[in-house]
Amino acid sequence: MGALAALLASRWVRRLTIGIALIGAVLLFLLNLRRAGETAGRHAERLNQMERQNEIQRRMLEAASTRPRDRDELAERLRDGRF
């Protein structure tokens, strides 16, 4: 046990240990940053899909609001060329 305590007490071992700890912390930070970027990318893609779906549904609702109410109105529109 005395040799281990003496080794840990030396200056270069402490500096090496601190350096390894710093490198490990930086690597963990970079990995977490990468994961956060991937998550943000997935959320952005999901938002784009929702916006596209909402735009399509809005167009469908607009088209449904101007549709002919019955067969007679449809025939009238077809005759007038407004359909």
PDB file of N, CA and C in Angstrom:
ATOM      1  N   MET A   1       0.815  -1.195   0.000  1.00  0.00           N
ATOM      2  CA  MET A   1       0.000   0.000   0.000  1.00  0.00           C
ATOM      3  C   MET A   1       0.856   1.255   0.000  1.00  0.00           C
ATOM      4  N   GLY A   2       2.020   1.174   0.574  1.00  0.00           N
ATOM      5  CA  GLY A   2       2.902   2.325   0.648  1.00  0.00           C
ATOM      6  C   GLY A   2       3.396   2.741  -0.725  1.00  0.00           C
ATOM      7  N   ALA A   3       3.621   1.750  -1.624  1.00  0.00           N
ATOM      8  CA  ALA A   3       4.103   2.071  -2.963  1.00  0.00           C
ATOM      9  C   ALA A   3       3.016   2.785  -3.770  1.00  0.00           C
ATOM     10  N   LEU A   4       1.787   2.363  -3.595  1.00  0.00           N
ATOM     11  CA  LEU A   4       0.673   2.998  -4.298  1.00  0.00           C
ATOM     12  C   LEU A   4       0.476   4.435  -3.816  1.00  0.00           C
ATOM     13  N   ALA A   5       0.575   4.640  -2.526  1.00  0.00           N
ATOM     14  CA  ALA A   5       0.443   5.990  -1.968  1.00  0.00           C
ATOM     15  C   ALA A   5       1.582   6.869  -2.444  1.00  0.00           C
ATOM     16  N   ALA A   6       2.744   6.317  -2.525  1.00  0.00           N
ATOM     17  CA  ALA A   6       3.896   7.092  -2.991  1.00  0.00           C
ATOM     18  C   ALA A   6       3.747   7.432  -4.472  1.00  0.00           C
ATOM     19  N   LEU A   7       3.212   6.485  -5.252  1.00  0.00           N
ATOM     20  CA  LEU A   7       3.001   6.728  -6.678  1.00  0.00           C
ATOM     21  C   LEU A   7       1.950   7.817  -6.895  1.00  0.00           C
ATOM     22  N   LEU A   8       0.860   7.760  -6.120  1.00  0.00           N
ATOM     23  CA  LEU A   8      -0.191   8.767  -6.246  1.00  0.00           C
ATOM     24  C   LEU A   8       0.265  10.134  -5.735  1.00  0.00           C
ATOM     25  N   ALA A   9       1.246  10.141  -4.864  1.00  0.00           N
ATOM     26  CA  ALA A   9       1.730  11.403  -4.316  1.00  0.00           C
ATOM     27  C   ALA A   9       2.668  12.116  -5.286  1.00  0.00           C
ATOM     28  N   SER A  10       3.187  11.408  -6.269  1.00  0.00           N
ATOM     29  CA  SER A  10       4.135  12.057  -7.177  1.00  0.00           C
ATOM     30  C   SER A  10       3.409  13.047  -8.087  1.00  0.00           C
ATOM     31  N   ARG A  11       4.109  14.097  -8.455  1.00  0.00           N
ATOM     32  CA  ARG A  11       3.541  15.203  -9.222  1.00  0.00           C
ATOM     33  C   ARG A  11       3.101  14.768 -10.615  1.00  0.00           C
ATOM     34  N   TRP A  12       3.905  13.997 -11.322  1.00  0.00           N
ATOM     35  CA  TRP A  12       3.573  13.641 -12.707  1.00  0.00           C
ATOM     36  C   TRP A  12       2.385  12.700 -12.778  1.00  0.00           C
ATOM     37  N   VAL A  13       2.192  11.842 -11.766  1.00  0.00           N
ATOM     38  CA  VAL A  13       1.030  10.955 -11.754  1.00  0.00           C
ATOM     39  C   VAL A  13      -0.243  11.771 -11.551  1.00  0.00           C
ATOM     40  N   ARG A  14      -0.173  12.782 -10.670  1.00  0.00           N
ATOM     41  CA  ARG A  14      -1.340  13.641 -10.458  1.00  0.00           C
ATOM     42  C   ARG A  14      -1.683  14.415 -11.726  1.00  0.00           C
ATOM     43  N   ARG A  15      -0.685  14.942 -12.404  1.00  0.00           N
ATOM     44  CA  ARG A  15      -0.928  15.677 -13.655  1.00  0.00           C
ATOM     45  C   ARG A  15      -1.501  14.755 -14.735  1.00  0.00           C
ATOM     46  N   LEU A  16      -0.966  13.545 -14.814  1.00  0.00           N
ATOM     47  CA  LEU A  16      -1.472  12.578 -15.789  1.00  0.00           C
ATOM     48  C   LEU A  16      -2.925  12.227 -15.481  1.00  0.00           C
ATOM     49  N   THR A  17      -3.241  12.030 -14.209  1.00  0.00           N
ATOM     50  CA  THR A  17      -4.604  11.703 -13.811  1.00  0.00           C
ATOM     51  C   THR A  17      -5.554  12.858 -14.138  1.00  0.00           C
ATOM     52  N   ILE A  18      -5.132  14.074 -13.872  1.00  0.00           N
ATOM     53  CA  ILE A  18      -5.962  15.242 -14.193  1.00  0.00           C
ATOM     54  C   ILE A  18      -6.148  15.358 -15.701  1.00  0.00           C
ATOM     55  N   GLY A  19      -5.079  15.131 -16.456  1.00  0.00           N
ATOM     56  CA  GLY A  19      -5.186  15.189 -17.924  1.00  0.00           C
ATOM     57  C   GLY A  19      -6.142  14.151 -18.471  1.00  0.00           C
ATOM     58  N   ILE A  20      -6.050  12.933 -17.959  1.00  0.00           N
ATOM     59  CA  ILE A  20      -6.962  11.873 -18.403  1.00  0.00           C
ATOM     60  C   ILE A  20      -8.396  12.223 -18.047  1.00  0.00           C
ATOM     61  N   ALA A  21      -8.606  12.775 -16.853  1.00  0.00           N
ATOM     62  CA  ALA A  21      -9.959  13.173 -16.444  1.00  0.00           C
ATOM     63  C   ALA A  21     -10.490  14.286 -17.348  1.00  0.00           C
ATOM     64  N   LEU A  22      -9.657  15.249 -17.696  1.00  0.00           N
ATOM     65  CA  LEU A  22     -10.089  16.333 -18.579  1.00  0.00           C
ATOM     66  C   LEU A  22     -10.428  15.813 -19.973  1.00  0.00           C
ATOM     67  N   ILE A  23      -9.599  14.935 -20.491  1.00  0.00           N
ATOM     68  CA  ILE A  23      -9.863  14.362 -21.809  1.00  0.00           C
ATOM     69  C   ILE A  23     -11.167  13.569 -21.784  1.00  0.00           C
ATOM     70  N   GLY A  24     -11.391  12.806 -20.726  1.00  0.00           N
ATOM     71  CA  GLY A  24     -12.639  12.058 -20.592  1.00  0.00           C
ATOM     72  C   GLY A  24     -13.847  12.976 -20.531  1.00  0.00           C
ATOM     73  N   ALA A  25     -13.723  14.078 -19.787  1.00  0.00           N
ATOM     74  CA  ALA A  25     -14.836  15.018 -19.682  1.00  0.00           C
ATOM     75  C   ALA A  25     -15.146  15.651 -21.028  1.00  0.00           C
ATOM     76  N   VAL A  26     -14.105  16.017 -21.783  1.00  0.00           N
ATOM     77  CA  VAL A  26     -14.313  16.615 -23.101  1.00  0.00           C
ATOM     78  C   VAL A  26     -14.967  15.610 -24.045  1.00  0.00           C
ATOM     79  N   LEU A  27     -14.537  14.363 -24.007  1.00  0.00           N
ATOM     80  CA  LEU A  27     -15.137  13.338 -24.863  1.00  0.00           C
ATOM     81  C   LEU A  27     -16.610  13.114 -24.518  1.00  0.00           C
ATOM     82  N   LEU A  28     -16.920  13.066 -23.232  1.00  0.00           N
ATOM     83  CA  LEU A  28     -18.321  12.907 -22.835  1.00  0.00           C
ATOM     84  C   LEU A  28     -19.161  14.099 -23.277  1.00  0.00           C
ATOM     85  N   PHE A  29     -18.597  15.305 -23.169  1.00  0.00           N
ATOM     86  CA  PHE A  29     -19.308  16.505 -23.618  1.00  0.00           C
ATOM     87  C   PHE A  29     -19.584  16.436 -25.111  1.00  0.00           C
ATOM     88  N   LEU A  30     -18.593  16.025 -25.901  1.00  0.00           N
ATOM     89  CA  LEU A  30     -18.779  15.950 -27.348  1.00  0.00           C
ATOM     90  C   LEU A  30     -19.810  14.892 -27.733  1.00  0.00           C
ATOM     91  N   LEU A  31     -19.783  13.760 -27.053  1.00  0.00           N
ATOM     92  CA  LEU A  31     -20.774  12.727 -27.335  1.00  0.00           C
ATOM     93  C   LEU A  31     -22.185  13.205 -26.992  1.00  0.00           C
ATOM     94  N   ASN A  32     -22.323  13.899 -25.875  1.00  0.00           N
ATOM     95  CA  ASN A  32     -23.630  14.436 -25.498  1.00  0.00           C
ATOM     96  C   ASN A  32     -24.086  15.500 -26.487  1.00  0.00           C
ATOM     97  N   LEU A  33     -23.158  16.317 -26.957  1.00  0.00           N
ATOM     98  CA  LEU A  33     -23.488  17.341 -27.946  1.00  0.00           C
ATOM     99  C   LEU A  33     -23.966  16.704 -29.244  1.00  0.00           C
ATOM    100  N   ARG A  34     -23.323  15.632 -29.654  1.00  0.00           N
ATOM    101  CA  ARG A  34     -23.727  14.926 -30.868  1.00  0.00           C
ATOM    102  C   ARG A  34     -25.138  14.357 -30.722  1.00  0.00           C
ATOM    103  N   ARG A  35     -25.404  13.748 -29.574  1.00  0.00           N
ATOM    104  CA  ARG A  35     -26.727  13.174 -29.345  1.00  0.00           C
ATOM    105  C   ARG A  35     -27.800  14.265 -29.331  1.00  0.00           C
ATOM    106  N   ALA A  36     -27.490  15.401 -28.739  1.00  0.00           N
ATOM    107  CA  ALA A  36     -28.444  16.513 -28.712  1.00  0.00           C
ATOM    108  C   ALA A  36     -28.712  17.020 -30.134  1.00  0.00           C
ATOM    109  N   GLY A  37     -27.677  17.061 -30.971  1.00  0.00           N
ATOM    110  CA  GLY A  37     -27.857  17.482 -32.358  1.00  0.00           C
ATOM    111  C   GLY A  37     -28.737  16.522 -33.136  1.00  0.00           C
ATOM    112  N   GLU A  38     -28.546  15.233 -32.924  1.00  0.00           N
ATOM    113  CA  GLU A  38     -29.385  14.249 -33.606  1.00  0.00           C
ATOM    114  C   GLU A  38     -30.834  14.379 -33.169  1.00  0.00           C
ATOM    115  N   THR A  39     -31.056  14.596 -31.881  1.00  0.00           N
ATOM    116  CA  THR A  39     -32.413  14.764 -31.373  1.00  0.00           C
ATOM    117  C   THR A  39     -33.053  16.012 -31.967  1.00  0.00           C
ATOM    118  N   ALA A  40     -32.303  17.094 -32.038  1.00  0.00           N
ATOM    119  CA  ALA A  40     -32.834  18.327 -32.617  1.00  0.00           C
ATOM    120  C   ALA A  40     -33.171  18.121 -34.098  1.00  0.00           C
ATOM    121  N   GLY A  41     -32.355  17.362 -34.806  1.00  0.00           N
ATOM    122  CA  GLY A  41     -32.626  17.073 -36.210  1.00  0.00           C
ATOM    123  C   GLY A  41     -33.909  16.270 -36.388  1.00  0.00           C
ATOM    124  N   ARG A  42     -34.122  15.301 -35.517  1.00  0.00           N
ATOM    125  CA  ARG A  42     -35.357  14.512 -35.589  1.00  0.00           C
ATOM    126  C   ARG A  42     -36.578  15.381 -35.301  1.00  0.00           C
ATOM    127  N   HIS A  43     -36.451  16.265 -34.315  1.00  0.00           N
ATOM    128  CA  HIS A  43     -37.573  17.151 -33.999  1.00  0.00           C
ATOM    129  C   HIS A  43     -37.852  18.117 -35.151  1.00  0.00           C
ATOM    130  N   ALA A  44     -36.818  18.604 -35.793  1.00  0.00           N
ATOM    131  CA  ALA A  44     -37.012  19.513 -36.931  1.00  0.00           C
ATOM    132  C   ALA A  44     -37.700  18.786 -38.083  1.00  0.00           C
ATOM    133  N   GLU A  45     -37.302  17.553 -38.344  1.00  0.00           N
ATOM    134  CA  GLU A  45     -37.937  16.774 -39.412  1.00  0.00           C
ATOM    135  C   GLU A  45     -39.402  16.507 -39.087  1.00  0.00           C
ATOM    136  N   ARG A  46     -39.687  16.180 -37.830  1.00  0.00           N
ATOM    137  CA  ARG A  46     -41.071  15.943 -37.420  1.00  0.00           C
ATOM    138  C   ARG A  46     -41.910  17.216 -37.579  1.00  0.00           C
ATOM    139  N   LEU A  47     -41.322  18.367 -37.243  1.00  0.00           N
ATOM    140  CA  LEU A  47     -42.029  19.636 -37.401  1.00  0.00           C
ATOM    141  C   LEU A  47     -42.321  19.921 -38.869  1.00  0.00           C
ATOM    142  N   ASN A  48     -41.361  19.656 -39.754  1.00  0.00           N
ATOM    143  CA  ASN A  48     -41.589  19.854 -41.190  1.00  0.00           C
ATOM    144  C   ASN A  48     -42.716  18.959 -41.698  1.00  0.00           C
ATOM    145  N   GLN A  49     -42.746  17.722 -41.248  1.00  0.00           N
ATOM    146  CA  GLN A  49     -43.805  16.812 -41.667  1.00  0.00           C
ATOM    147  C   GLN A  49     -45.169  17.291 -41.173  1.00  0.00           C
ATOM    148  N   MET A  50     -45.227  17.765 -39.935  1.00  0.00           N
ATOM    149  CA  MET A  50     -46.497  18.255 -39.403  1.00  0.00           C
ATOM    150  C   MET A  50     -46.964  19.492 -40.162  1.00  0.00           C
ATOM    151  N   GLU A  51     -46.046  20.388 -40.491  1.00  0.00           N
ATOM    152  CA  GLU A  51     -46.422  21.580 -41.252  1.00  0.00           C
ATOM    153  C   GLU A  51     -46.950  21.200 -42.629  1.00  0.00           C
ATOM    154  N   ARG A  52     -46.301  20.233 -43.272  1.00  0.00           N
ATOM    155  CA  ARG A  52     -46.753  19.778 -44.590  1.00  0.00           C
ATOM    156  C   ARG A  52     -48.140  19.140 -44.491  1.00  0.00           C
ATOM    157  N   GLN A  53     -48.366  18.325 -43.473  1.00  0.00           N
ATOM    158  CA  GLN A  53     -49.674  17.692 -43.295  1.00  0.00           C
ATOM    159  C   GLN A  53     -50.752  18.732 -42.999  1.00  0.00           C
ATOM    160  N   ASN A  54     -50.415  19.731 -42.190  1.00  0.00           N
ATOM    161  CA  ASN A  54     -51.389  20.781 -41.885  1.00  0.00           C
ATOM    162  C   ASN A  54     -51.734  21.592 -43.129  1.00  0.00           C
ATOM    163  N   GLU A  55     -50.747  21.850 -43.974  1.00  0.00           N
ATOM    164  CA  GLU A  55     -51.002  22.583 -45.219  1.00  0.00           C
ATOM    165  C   GLU A  55     -51.927  21.786 -46.140  1.00  0.00           C
ATOM    166  N   ILE A  56     -51.686  20.490 -46.243  1.00  0.00           N
ATOM    167  CA  ILE A  56     -52.536  19.631 -47.078  1.00  0.00           C
ATOM    168  C   ILE A  56     -53.959  19.603 -46.528  1.00  0.00           C
ATOM    169  N   GLN A  57     -54.095  19.477 -45.209  1.00  0.00           N
ATOM    170  CA  GLN A  57     -55.434  19.441 -44.622  1.00  0.00           C
ATOM    171  C   GLN A  57     -56.149  20.781 -44.803  1.00  0.00           C
ATOM    172  N   ARG A  58     -55.412  21.892 -44.698  1.00  0.00           N
ATOM    173  CA  ARG A  58     -56.026  23.202 -44.905  1.00  0.00           C
ATOM    174  C   ARG A  58     -56.552  23.333 -46.330  1.00  0.00           C
ATOM    175  N   ARG A  59     -55.761  22.843 -47.302  1.00  0.00           N
ATOM    176  CA  ARG A  59     -56.221  22.869 -48.701  1.00  0.00           C
ATOM    177  C   ARG A  59     -57.462  22.010 -48.892  1.00  0.00           C
ATOM    178  N   MET A  60     -57.480  20.848 -48.245  1.00  0.00           N
ATOM    179  CA  MET A  60     -58.647  19.975 -48.362  1.00  0.00           C
ATOM    180  C   MET A  60     -59.888  20.642 -47.775  1.00  0.00           C
ATOM    181  N   LEU A  61     -59.726  21.321 -46.636  1.00  0.00           N
ATOM    182  CA  LEU A  61     -60.866  22.002 -46.030  1.00  0.00           C
ATOM    183  C   LEU A  61     -61.348  23.164 -46.893  1.00  0.00           C
ATOM    184  N   GLU A  62     -60.418  23.892 -47.490  1.00  0.00           N
ATOM    185  CA  GLU A  62     -60.809  24.979 -48.395  1.00  0.00           C
ATOM    186  C   GLU A  62     -61.568  24.432 -49.604  1.00  0.00           C
ATOM    187  N   ALA A  63     -61.072  23.315 -50.141  1.00  0.00           N
ATOM    188  CA  ALA A  63     -61.749  22.712 -51.294  1.00  0.00           C
ATOM    189  C   ALA A  63     -63.136  22.208 -50.890  1.00  0.00           C
ATOM    190  N   ALA A  64     -63.252  21.656 -49.696  1.00  0.00           N
ATOM    191  CA  ALA A  64     -64.547  21.148 -49.246  1.00  0.00           C
ATOM    192  C   ALA A  64     -65.539  22.286 -49.013  1.00  0.00           C
ATOM    193  N   SER A  65     -65.042  23.461 -48.651  1.00  0.00           N
ATOM    194  CA  SER A  65     -65.960  24.578 -48.385  1.00  0.00           C
ATOM    195  C   SER A  65     -66.558  25.141 -49.673  1.00  0.00           C
ATOM    196  N   THR A  66     -65.912  24.907 -50.809  1.00  0.00           N
ATOM    197  CA  THR A  66     -66.426  25.432 -52.078  1.00  0.00           C
ATOM    198  C   THR A  66     -67.011  24.335 -52.964  1.00  0.00           C
ATOM    199  N   ARG A  67     -67.213  23.156 -52.405  1.00  0.00           N
ATOM    200  CA  ARG A  67     -67.736  22.054 -53.225  1.00  0.00           C
ATOM    201  C   ARG A  67     -69.217  22.260 -53.501  1.00  0.00           C
ATOM    202  N   PRO A  68     -69.723  21.638 -54.547  1.00  0.00           N
ATOM    203  CA  PRO A  68     -71.161  21.734 -54.832  1.00  0.00           C
ATOM    204  C   PRO A  68     -71.974  21.025 -53.753  1.00  0.00           C
ATOM    205  N   ARG A  69     -73.117  21.603 -53.408  1.00  0.00           N
ATOM    206  CA  ARG A  69     -73.936  21.037 -52.334  1.00  0.00           C
ATOM    207  C   ARG A  69     -74.741  19.825 -52.791  1.00  0.00           C
ATOM    208  N   ASP A  70     -75.143  19.797 -54.048  1.00  0.00           N
ATOM    209  CA  ASP A  70     -75.940  18.665 -54.530  1.00  0.00           C
ATOM    210  C   ASP A  70     -75.641  18.448 -56.017  1.00  0.00           C
ATOM    211  N   ARG A  71     -76.356  17.475 -56.597  1.00  0.00           N
ATOM    212  CA  ARG A  71     -76.108  17.126 -58.003  1.00  0.00           C
ATOM    213  C   ARG A  71     -76.512  18.247 -58.950  1.00  0.00           C
ATOM    214  N   ASP A  72     -77.555  18.950 -58.611  1.00  0.00           N
ATOM    215  CA  ASP A  72     -78.005  20.036 -59.480  1.00  0.00           C
ATOM    216  C   ASP A  72     -76.957  21.150 -59.549  1.00  0.00           C
ATOM    217  N   GLU A  73     -76.391  21.493 -58.401  1.00  0.00           N
ATOM    218  CA  GLU A  73     -75.361  22.540 -58.395  1.00  0.00           C
ATOM    219  C   GLU A  73     -74.112  22.060 -59.149  1.00  0.00           C
ATOM    220  N   LEU A  74     -73.786  20.781 -59.016  1.00  0.00           N
ATOM    221  CA  LEU A  74     -72.650  20.232 -59.760  1.00  0.00           C
ATOM    222  C   LEU A  74     -72.905  20.332 -61.260  1.00  0.00           C
ATOM    223  N   ALA A  75     -74.080  19.953 -61.682  1.00  0.00           N
ATOM    224  CA  ALA A  75     -74.412  20.026 -63.108  1.00  0.00           C
ATOM    225  C   ALA A  75     -74.357  21.470 -63.597  1.00  0.00           C
ATOM    226  N   GLU A  76     -74.861  22.397 -62.787  1.00  0.00           N
ATOM    227  CA  GLU A  76     -74.840  23.810 -63.164  1.00  0.00           C
ATOM    228  C   GLU A  76     -73.402  24.316 -63.306  1.00  0.00           C
ATOM    229  N   ARG A  77     -72.561  23.929 -62.379  1.00  0.00           N
ATOM    230  CA  ARG A  77     -71.150  24.340 -62.468  1.00  0.00           C
ATOM    231  C   ARG A  77     -70.482  23.765 -63.715  1.00  0.00           C
ATOM    232  N   LEU A  78     -70.751  22.510 -64.022  1.00  0.00           N
ATOM    233  CA  LEU A  78     -70.149  21.885 -65.183  1.00  0.00           C
ATOM    234  C   LEU A  78     -70.612  22.576 -66.467  1.00  0.00           C
ATOM    235  N   ARG A  79     -71.876  22.988 -66.522  1.00  0.00           N
ATOM    236  CA  ARG A  79     -72.396  23.698 -67.682  1.00  0.00           C
ATOM    237  C   ARG A  79     -71.742  25.061 -67.862  1.00  0.00           C
ATOM    238  N   ASP A  80     -71.547  25.740 -66.730  1.00  0.00           N
ATOM    239  CA  ASP A  80     -70.963  27.079 -66.771  1.00  0.00           C
ATOM    240  C   ASP A  80     -69.441  27.044 -66.942  1.00  0.00           C
ATOM    241  N   GLY A  81     -68.824  25.889 -66.723  1.00  0.00           N
ATOM    242  CA  GLY A  81     -67.374  25.774 -66.852  1.00  0.00           C
ATOM    243  C   GLY A  81     -66.637  26.318 -65.626  1.00  0.00           C
ATOM    244  N   ARG A  82     -67.304  26.418 -64.495  1.00  0.00           N
ATOM    245  CA  ARG A  82     -66.672  26.930 -63.270  1.00  0.00           C
ATOM    246  C   ARG A  82     -66.072  25.823 -62.417  1.00  0.00           C
ATOM    247  N   PHE A  83     -66.236  24.623 -62.774  1.00  0.00           N
ATOM    248  CA  PHE A  83     -65.758  23.518 -61.937  1.00  0.00           C
ATOM    249  C   PHE A  83     -64.317  23.283 -62.253  1.00  0.00           C
TER     250      PHE A  83
END
